[in-house]
Amino acid sequence: MAEKRVIKVLIAGKVMTMSGYESEEYMQKVAAYINSKIEEYEKTDAFRRASADIRHRMLELNFADSYFKEKEHAEELEQRLKDKINELDEMKHNYVNSQVMVDDQKKDVGSLETKLRESEKSVTRLQTTLTEREKTIADLQAALKEAGRDPRTMEPVIKKEPEYVQTSIEDLLGVNKAIEKSEKAEKPEKAEKDDKAEENEEDIAKNEALEHQKKQEETALRLAKQSEAFRSTRNGKRRR
């Protein structure tokens, strides 16, 4: 517990004893404040003409007025301080929420970057596949050009093409092989027939050759259309 102090102070020209638990410096400030107020009031005629008792009452009233005004001002300052503290707390809360949002956005950015890398890999794979397809189509076109002389030159391409293209090529090869087999079987018979039969056989052979050539042309045309449809489908996917 603080020690109670007793000091001598001068108020209104009189020495008075003041006691309290505050410091001596603080009590001297209180005495100086009272003296300043007395000097202020003594400048007015009403205060100087009043009796000593009235002067005391006037001083008490003025001190009470100053007290309540200062108290009201202190309360206003305290309320303003509380408002500032509340604003600061709200700012801290908003800052924390903003940090959470930033962290979430960073996670979203990381996820998007991962998806982007995966998409780039997919694009690379698709480009590689496209290059291989273009090479396959070029091989198919080259083989189609050679098909007029010997359709068997397309055999290396069959394994590389889709099923519907393989079937068409195999049909072309099957027709060619059937004709060759038929021609071989007919050779002994041609030697035994008379001249008229030989002429008929020649006509038949010519018709078969023409029919064979027609089938080759139809098959080649069908392959070209299927290849064009395959290319158009691929280009449509690329544009999307």
C-alpha atoms as a PDB file:
ATOM      1  CA  MET A   1       0.000   0.000   0.000  1.00  0.00           C
ATOM      2  CA  ALA A   2       1.269   3.485  -0.924  1.00  0.00           C
ATOM      3  CA  GLU A   3       2.388   5.776   1.913  1.00  0.00           C
ATOM      4  CA  LYS A   4       0.173   8.747   2.696  1.00  0.00           C
ATOM      5  CA  ARG A   5       1.949  12.080   2.186  1.00  0.00           C
ATOM      6  CA  VAL A   6       1.371  15.393   3.966  1.00  0.00           C
ATOM      7  CA  ILE A   7       2.701  18.607   2.401  1.00  0.00           C
ATOM      8  CA  LYS A   8       2.323  22.362   2.778  1.00  0.00           C
ATOM      9  CA  VAL A   9       0.829  24.292  -0.162  1.00  0.00           C
ATOM     10  CA  LEU A  10       0.063  27.974  -0.728  1.00  0.00           C
ATOM     11  CA  ILE A  11      -3.544  28.678  -1.838  1.00  0.00           C
ATOM     12  CA  ALA A  12      -4.939  32.229  -2.154  1.00  0.00           C
ATOM     13  CA  GLY A  13      -1.944  33.579  -0.255  1.00  0.00           C
ATOM     14  CA  LYS A  14      -2.462  31.225   2.692  1.00  0.00           C
ATOM     15  CA  VAL A  15      -0.359  28.219   3.687  1.00  0.00           C
ATOM     16  CA  MET A  16      -2.462  25.087   3.897  1.00  0.00           C
ATOM     17  CA  THR A  17      -1.757  21.437   4.721  1.00  0.00           C
ATOM     18  CA  MET A  18      -2.610  18.900   1.992  1.00  0.00           C
ATOM     19  CA  SER A  19      -2.425  15.137   2.416  1.00  0.00           C
ATOM     20  CA  GLY A  20      -2.912  12.228   0.021  1.00  0.00           C
ATOM     21  CA  TYR A  21      -1.437   9.076  -1.482  1.00  0.00           C
ATOM     22  CA  GLU A  22      -0.414  10.853  -4.675  1.00  0.00           C
ATOM     23  CA  SER A  23       3.045  12.231  -5.263  1.00  0.00           C
ATOM     24  CA  GLU A  24       4.051  15.653  -3.910  1.00  0.00           C
ATOM     25  CA  GLU A  25       4.438  16.918  -7.474  1.00  0.00           C
ATOM     26  CA  TYR A  26       0.818  15.994  -8.264  1.00  0.00           C
ATOM     27  CA  MET A  27      -0.545  17.752  -5.142  1.00  0.00           C
ATOM     28  CA  GLN A  28       1.452  20.900  -5.994  1.00  0.00           C
ATOM     29  CA  LYS A  29      -0.152  20.871  -9.463  1.00  0.00           C
ATOM     30  CA  VAL A  30      -3.615  20.728  -7.831  1.00  0.00           C
ATOM     31  CA  ALA A  31      -2.778  23.723  -5.636  1.00  0.00           C
ATOM     32  CA  ALA A  32      -1.422  25.636  -8.643  1.00  0.00           C
ATOM     33  CA  TYR A  33      -4.644  24.901 -10.596  1.00  0.00           C
ATOM     34  CA  ILE A  34      -6.802  26.280  -7.719  1.00  0.00           C
ATOM     35  CA  ASN A  35      -4.670  29.431  -7.523  1.00  0.00           C
ATOM     36  CA  SER A  36      -5.005  29.964 -11.302  1.00  0.00           C
ATOM     37  CA  LYS A  37      -8.792  29.735 -11.081  1.00  0.00           C
ATOM     38  CA  ILE A  38      -8.935  32.161  -8.106  1.00  0.00           C
ATOM     39  CA  GLU A  39      -6.785  34.672 -10.014  1.00  0.00           C
ATOM     40  CA  GLU A  40      -9.095  34.285 -13.036  1.00  0.00           C
ATOM     41  CA  TYR A  41     -12.254  34.943 -10.996  1.00  0.00           C
ATOM     42  CA  GLU A  42     -10.715  37.892  -9.074  1.00  0.00           C
ATOM     43  CA  LYS A  43     -10.535  39.761 -12.383  1.00  0.00           C
ATOM     44  CA  THR A  44     -14.345  40.065 -12.332  1.00  0.00           C
ATOM     45  CA  ASP A  45     -16.122  42.771 -10.253  1.00  0.00           C
ATOM     46  CA  ALA A  46     -18.877  40.443  -9.033  1.00  0.00           C
ATOM     47  CA  PHE A  47     -16.369  38.033  -7.518  1.00  0.00           C
ATOM     48  CA  ARG A  48     -14.386  40.796  -5.809  1.00  0.00           C
ATOM     49  CA  ARG A  49     -17.550  42.396  -4.284  1.00  0.00           C
ATOM     50  CA  ALA A  50     -18.884  39.090  -2.973  1.00  0.00           C
ATOM     51  CA  SER A  51     -18.376  37.925   0.591  1.00  0.00           C
ATOM     52  CA  ALA A  52     -15.835  35.226   1.431  1.00  0.00           C
ATOM     53  CA  ASP A  53     -18.584  32.588   1.779  1.00  0.00           C
ATOM     54  CA  ILE A  54     -20.080  33.496  -1.627  1.00  0.00           C
ATOM     55  CA  ARG A  55     -16.614  33.379  -3.165  1.00  0.00           C
ATOM     56  CA  HIS A  56     -16.164  29.858  -1.831  1.00  0.00           C
ATOM     57  CA  ARG A  57     -19.542  28.807  -3.273  1.00  0.00           C
ATOM     58  CA  MET A  58     -18.667  30.365  -6.646  1.00  0.00           C
ATOM     59  CA  LEU A  59     -15.328  28.574  -6.701  1.00  0.00           C
ATOM     60  CA  GLU A  60     -17.001  25.272  -5.806  1.00  0.00           C
ATOM     61  CA  LEU A  61     -19.612  25.729  -8.555  1.00  0.00           C
ATOM     62  CA  ASN A  62     -16.970  26.566 -11.156  1.00  0.00           C
ATOM     63  CA  PHE A  63     -14.798  23.633 -10.109  1.00  0.00           C
ATOM     64  CA  ALA A  64     -17.832  21.304 -10.335  1.00  0.00           C
ATOM     65  CA  ASP A  65     -18.668  22.695 -13.774  1.00  0.00           C
ATOM     66  CA  SER A  66     -15.096  22.170 -14.964  1.00  0.00           C
ATOM     67  CA  TYR A  67     -15.137  18.643 -13.533  1.00  0.00           C
ATOM     68  CA  PHE A  68     -18.290  17.551 -15.349  1.00  0.00           C
ATOM     69  CA  LYS A  69     -17.172  19.130 -18.617  1.00  0.00           C
ATOM     70  CA  GLU A  70     -13.817  17.376 -18.425  1.00  0.00           C
ATOM     71  CA  LYS A  71     -15.558  14.128 -17.477  1.00  0.00           C
ATOM     72  CA  GLU A  72     -17.898  14.420 -20.464  1.00  0.00           C
ATOM     73  CA  HIS A  73     -14.933  15.143 -22.727  1.00  0.00           C
ATOM     74  CA  ALA A  74     -13.089  12.134 -21.313  1.00  0.00           C
ATOM     75  CA  GLU A  75     -16.116   9.916 -21.942  1.00  0.00           C
ATOM     76  CA  GLU A  76     -16.286  11.141 -25.535  1.00  0.00           C
ATOM     77  CA  LEU A  77     -12.626  10.383 -25.976  1.00  0.00           C
ATOM     78  CA  GLU A  78     -13.136   6.941 -24.438  1.00  0.00           C
ATOM     79  CA  GLN A  79     -16.029   6.223 -26.827  1.00  0.00           C
ATOM     80  CA  ARG A  80     -13.967   7.370 -29.800  1.00  0.00           C
ATOM     81  CA  LEU A  81     -11.178   5.102 -28.617  1.00  0.00           C
ATOM     82  CA  LYS A  82     -13.593   2.150 -28.411  1.00  0.00           C
ATOM     83  CA  ASP A  83     -14.866   2.916 -31.937  1.00  0.00           C
ATOM     84  CA  LYS A  84     -11.309   2.979 -33.236  1.00  0.00           C
ATOM     85  CA  ILE A  85     -10.590  -0.323 -31.503  1.00  0.00           C
ATOM     86  CA  ASN A  86     -13.717  -1.853 -33.081  1.00  0.00           C
ATOM     87  CA  GLU A  87     -12.674  -0.552 -36.501  1.00  0.00           C
ATOM     88  CA  LEU A  88      -9.227  -2.036 -35.990  1.00  0.00           C
ATOM     89  CA  ASP A  89     -10.725  -5.396 -35.016  1.00  0.00           C
ATOM     90  CA  GLU A  90     -12.928  -5.335 -38.121  1.00  0.00           C
ATOM     91  CA  MET A  91      -9.915  -4.497 -40.289  1.00  0.00           C
ATOM     92  CA  LYS A  92      -8.038  -7.418 -38.750  1.00  0.00           C
ATOM     93  CA  HIS A  93     -11.003  -9.703 -39.434  1.00  0.00           C
ATOM     94  CA  ASN A  94     -11.217  -8.530 -43.053  1.00  0.00           C
ATOM     95  CA  TYR A  95      -7.471  -9.003 -43.425  1.00  0.00           C
ATOM     96  CA  VAL A  96      -7.707 -12.588 -42.188  1.00  0.00           C
ATOM     97  CA  ASN A  97     -10.591 -13.277 -44.588  1.00  0.00           C
ATOM     98  CA  SER A  98      -8.596 -11.733 -47.432  1.00  0.00           C
ATOM     99  CA  GLN A  99      -5.621 -13.950 -46.611  1.00  0.00           C
ATOM    100  CA  VAL A 100      -7.877 -17.012 -46.652  1.00  0.00           C
ATOM    101  CA  MET A 101      -9.255 -15.962 -50.051  1.00  0.00           C
ATOM    102  CA  VAL A 102      -5.729 -15.402 -51.371  1.00  0.00           C
ATOM    103  CA  ASP A 103      -4.668 -18.851 -50.174  1.00  0.00           C
ATOM    104  CA  ASP A 104      -7.718 -20.426 -51.846  1.00  0.00           C
ATOM    105  CA  GLN A 105      -6.960 -18.562 -55.074  1.00  0.00           C
ATOM    106  CA  LYS A 106      -3.349 -19.734 -54.950  1.00  0.00           C
ATOM    107  CA  LYS A 107      -4.602 -23.311 -54.640  1.00  0.00           C
ATOM    108  CA  ASP A 108      -6.959 -22.767 -57.597  1.00  0.00           C
ATOM    109  CA  VAL A 109      -4.094 -21.319 -59.646  1.00  0.00           C
ATOM    110  CA  GLY A 110      -1.922 -24.319 -58.792  1.00  0.00           C
ATOM    111  CA  SER A 111      -4.713 -26.691 -59.835  1.00  0.00           C
ATOM    112  CA  LEU A 112      -5.222 -24.797 -63.104  1.00  0.00           C
ATOM    113  CA  GLU A 113      -1.492 -24.851 -63.817  1.00  0.00           C
ATOM    114  CA  THR A 114      -1.486 -28.630 -63.298  1.00  0.00           C
ATOM    115  CA  LYS A 115      -4.433 -29.013 -65.686  1.00  0.00           C
ATOM    116  CA  LEU A 116      -2.671 -26.753 -68.191  1.00  0.00           C
ATOM    117  CA  ARG A 117       0.453 -28.916 -68.115  1.00  0.00           C
ATOM    118  CA  GLU A 118      -1.676 -32.028 -68.586  1.00  0.00           C
ATOM    119  CA  SER A 119      -3.474 -30.363 -71.513  1.00  0.00           C
ATOM    120  CA  GLU A 120      -0.139 -29.440 -73.088  1.00  0.00           C
ATOM    121  CA  LYS A 121       0.956 -33.054 -72.805  1.00  0.00           C
ATOM    122  CA  SER A 122      -2.322 -34.172 -74.394  1.00  0.00           C
ATOM    123  CA  VAL A 123      -1.823 -31.689 -77.229  1.00  0.00           C
ATOM    124  CA  THR A 124       1.697 -33.024 -77.791  1.00  0.00           C
ATOM    125  CA  ARG A 125       0.380 -36.589 -77.923  1.00  0.00           C
ATOM    126  CA  LEU A 126      -2.388 -35.576 -80.314  1.00  0.00           C
ATOM    127  CA  GLN A 127       0.107 -33.766 -82.543  1.00  0.00           C
ATOM    128  CA  THR A 128       2.276 -36.883 -82.629  1.00  0.00           C
ATOM    129  CA  THR A 129      -0.760 -39.026 -83.482  1.00  0.00           C
ATOM    130  CA  LEU A 130      -1.790 -36.536 -86.160  1.00  0.00           C
ATOM    131  CA  THR A 131       1.673 -36.659 -87.723  1.00  0.00           C
ATOM    132  CA  GLU A 132       1.542 -40.441 -87.781  1.00  0.00           C
ATOM    133  CA  ARG A 133      -1.946 -40.326 -89.340  1.00  0.00           C
ATOM    134  CA  GLU A 134      -0.815 -37.902 -92.021  1.00  0.00           C
ATOM    135  CA  LYS A 135       2.095 -40.194 -92.865  1.00  0.00           C
ATOM    136  CA  THR A 136      -0.267 -43.157 -93.014  1.00  0.00           C
ATOM    137  CA  ILE A 137      -2.610 -41.275 -95.350  1.00  0.00           C
ATOM    138  CA  ALA A 138       0.345 -40.309 -97.554  1.00  0.00           C
ATOM    139  CA  ASP A 139       1.361 -43.989 -97.709  1.00  0.00           C
ATOM    140  CA  LEU A 140      -2.214 -44.942 -98.544  1.00  0.00           C
ATOM    141  CA  GLN A 141      -2.404 -42.366-101.354  1.00  0.00           C
ATOM    142  CA  ALA A 142       0.906 -43.590-102.770  1.00  0.00           C
ATOM    143  CA  ALA A 143      -0.343 -47.171-102.648  1.00  0.00           C
ATOM    144  CA  LEU A 144      -3.594 -46.147-104.360  1.00  0.00           C
ATOM    145  CA  LYS A 145      -1.582 -44.685-107.231  1.00  0.00           C
ATOM    146  CA  GLU A 146       0.277 -47.980-107.571  1.00  0.00           C
ATOM    147  CA  ALA A 147      -2.928 -50.041-107.308  1.00  0.00           C
ATOM    148  CA  GLY A 148      -3.609 -49.633-111.041  1.00  0.00           C
ATOM    149  CA  ARG A 149      -0.514 -51.717-111.847  1.00  0.00           C
ATOM    150  CA  ASP A 150      -0.482 -54.177-108.976  1.00  0.00           C
ATOM    151  CA  PRO A 151      -2.944 -53.955-106.029  1.00  0.00           C
ATOM    152  CA  ARG A 152      -0.662 -56.224-103.975  1.00  0.00           C
ATOM    153  CA  THR A 153       1.628 -53.235-103.435  1.00  0.00           C
ATOM    154  CA  MET A 154      -0.986 -52.068-100.909  1.00  0.00           C
ATOM    155  CA  GLU A 155      -0.417 -55.032 -98.577  1.00  0.00           C
ATOM    156  CA  PRO A 156       2.099 -53.169 -96.347  1.00  0.00           C
ATOM    157  CA  VAL A 157      -0.473 -50.420 -95.813  1.00  0.00           C
ATOM    158  CA  ILE A 158      -3.313 -52.716 -94.701  1.00  0.00           C
ATOM    159  CA  LYS A 159      -1.958 -53.214 -91.208  1.00  0.00           C
ATOM    160  CA  LYS A 160      -1.647 -49.450 -90.657  1.00  0.00           C
ATOM    161  CA  GLU A 161      -5.174 -48.410 -91.691  1.00  0.00           C
ATOM    162  CA  PRO A 162      -8.543 -48.527 -89.871  1.00  0.00           C
ATOM    163  CA  GLU A 163     -10.712 -51.607 -90.258  1.00  0.00           C
ATOM    164  CA  TYR A 164     -13.044 -50.162 -92.893  1.00  0.00           C
ATOM    165  CA  VAL A 165     -10.053 -49.201 -95.109  1.00  0.00           C
ATOM    166  CA  GLN A 166      -8.410 -52.624 -94.610  1.00  0.00           C
ATOM    167  CA  THR A 167     -11.610 -54.368 -95.713  1.00  0.00           C
ATOM    168  CA  SER A 168     -11.777 -52.376 -98.948  1.00  0.00           C
ATOM    169  CA  ILE A 169      -8.130 -53.044 -99.755  1.00  0.00           C
ATOM    170  CA  GLU A 170      -8.516 -56.735 -98.977  1.00  0.00           C
ATOM    171  CA  ASP A 171     -11.551 -56.849-101.296  1.00  0.00           C
ATOM    172  CA  LEU A 172      -9.420 -55.402-104.058  1.00  0.00           C
ATOM    173  CA  LEU A 173      -6.641 -57.930-103.467  1.00  0.00           C
ATOM    174  CA  GLY A 174      -9.179 -60.787-103.295  1.00  0.00           C
ATOM    175  CA  VAL A 175     -10.679 -59.867-106.661  1.00  0.00           C
ATOM    176  CA  ASN A 176      -7.229 -59.752-108.235  1.00  0.00           C
ATOM    177  CA  LYS A 177      -6.219 -63.148-106.798  1.00  0.00           C
ATOM    178  CA  ALA A 178      -9.524 -64.758-107.914  1.00  0.00           C
ATOM    179  CA  ILE A 179      -8.996 -63.538-111.452  1.00  0.00           C
ATOM    180  CA  GLU A 180      -5.411 -64.856-111.522  1.00  0.00           C
ATOM    181  CA  LYS A 181      -6.615 -68.241-110.255  1.00  0.00           C
ATOM    182  CA  SER A 182      -9.357 -68.347-112.877  1.00  0.00           C
ATOM    183  CA  GLU A 183      -6.903 -67.488-115.640  1.00  0.00           C
ATOM    184  CA  LYS A 184      -4.545 -70.295-114.561  1.00  0.00           C
ATOM    185  CA  ALA A 185      -7.397 -72.837-114.508  1.00  0.00           C
ATOM    186  CA  GLU A 186      -8.549 -71.839-117.959  1.00  0.00           C
ATOM    187  CA  LYS A 187      -5.178 -72.196-119.725  1.00  0.00           C
ATOM    188  CA  PRO A 188      -5.333 -76.023-120.289  1.00  0.00           C
ATOM    189  CA  GLU A 189      -8.861 -75.773-121.624  1.00  0.00           C
ATOM    190  CA  LYS A 190      -7.902 -73.066-124.130  1.00  0.00           C
ATOM    191  CA  ALA A 191      -5.288 -75.335-125.736  1.00  0.00           C
ATOM    192  CA  GLU A 192      -7.901 -78.063-126.477  1.00  0.00           C
ATOM    193  CA  LYS A 193     -10.610 -75.804-127.964  1.00  0.00           C
ATOM    194  CA  ASP A 194     -10.887 -74.938-131.626  1.00  0.00           C
ATOM    195  CA  ASP A 195     -10.270 -71.585-133.131  1.00  0.00           C
ATOM    196  CA  LYS A 196     -13.812 -70.416-132.582  1.00  0.00           C
ATOM    197  CA  ALA A 197     -13.685 -71.430-128.942  1.00  0.00           C
ATOM    198  CA  GLU A 198     -10.401 -69.614-128.604  1.00  0.00           C
ATOM    199  CA  GLU A 199     -11.979 -66.497-130.013  1.00  0.00           C
ATOM    200  CA  ASN A 200     -14.883 -66.838-127.575  1.00  0.00           C
ATOM    201  CA  GLU A 201     -12.433 -67.358-124.723  1.00  0.00           C
ATOM    202  CA  GLU A 202     -10.513 -64.306-125.771  1.00  0.00           C
ATOM    203  CA  ASP A 203     -13.741 -62.331-125.743  1.00  0.00           C
ATOM    204  CA  ILE A 204     -14.575 -63.753-122.329  1.00  0.00           C
ATOM    205  CA  ALA A 205     -11.069 -62.942-121.077  1.00  0.00           C
ATOM    206  CA  LYS A 206     -11.381 -59.415-122.396  1.00  0.00           C
ATOM    207  CA  ASN A 207     -14.758 -59.026-120.681  1.00  0.00           C
ATOM    208  CA  GLU A 208     -13.333 -60.430-117.459  1.00  0.00           C
ATOM    209  CA  ALA A 209     -10.360 -58.088-117.722  1.00  0.00           C
ATOM    210  CA  LEU A 210     -12.693 -55.154-118.306  1.00  0.00           C
ATOM    211  CA  GLU A 211     -14.862 -56.263-115.379  1.00  0.00           C
ATOM    212  CA  HIS A 212     -11.758 -56.692-113.235  1.00  0.00           C
ATOM    213  CA  GLN A 213     -10.530 -53.238-114.209  1.00  0.00           C
ATOM    214  CA  LYS A 214     -13.964 -51.770-113.449  1.00  0.00           C
ATOM    215  CA  LYS A 215     -13.989 -53.391-109.999  1.00  0.00           C
ATOM    216  CA  GLN A 216     -10.486 -52.060-109.338  1.00  0.00           C
ATOM    217  CA  GLU A 217     -11.568 -48.563-110.317  1.00  0.00           C
ATOM    218  CA  GLU A 218     -14.704 -48.774-108.127  1.00  0.00           C
ATOM    219  CA  THR A 219     -12.687 -50.067-105.175  1.00  0.00           C
ATOM    220  CA  ALA A 220     -10.029 -47.364-105.613  1.00  0.00           C
ATOM    221  CA  LEU A 221     -12.758 -44.716-105.818  1.00  0.00           C
ATOM    222  CA  ARG A 222     -14.385 -46.061-102.656  1.00  0.00           C
ATOM    223  CA  LEU A 223     -11.040 -46.013-100.845  1.00  0.00           C
ATOM    224  CA  ALA A 224     -10.392 -42.434-101.958  1.00  0.00           C
ATOM    225  CA  LYS A 225     -13.817 -41.338-100.640  1.00  0.00           C
ATOM    226  CA  GLN A 226     -13.267 -43.121 -97.318  1.00  0.00           C
ATOM    227  CA  SER A 227      -9.816 -41.545 -96.996  1.00  0.00           C
ATOM    228  CA  GLU A 228     -11.292 -38.098 -97.736  1.00  0.00           C
ATOM    229  CA  ALA A 229     -14.043 -38.671 -95.133  1.00  0.00           C
ATOM    230  CA  PHE A 230     -11.446 -39.742 -92.568  1.00  0.00           C
ATOM    231  CA  ARG A 231      -9.386 -36.592 -93.290  1.00  0.00           C
ATOM    232  CA  SER A 232     -12.477 -34.324 -93.028  1.00  0.00           C
ATOM    233  CA  THR A 233     -13.390 -35.878 -89.659  1.00  0.00           C
ATOM    234  CA  ARG A 234      -9.864 -35.288 -88.375  1.00  0.00           C
ATOM    235  CA  ASN A 235      -9.845 -31.637 -89.567  1.00  0.00           C
ATOM    236  CA  GLY A 236     -13.236 -31.055 -87.898  1.00  0.00           C
ATOM    237  CA  LYS A 237     -11.884 -32.297 -84.559  1.00  0.00           C
ATOM    238  CA  ARG A 238      -8.808 -30.079 -84.942  1.00  0.00           C
ATOM    239  CA  ARG A 239     -10.954 -26.929 -85.498  1.00  0.00           C
ATOM    240  CA  ARG A 240     -12.983 -27.659 -82.370  1.00  0.00           C
END
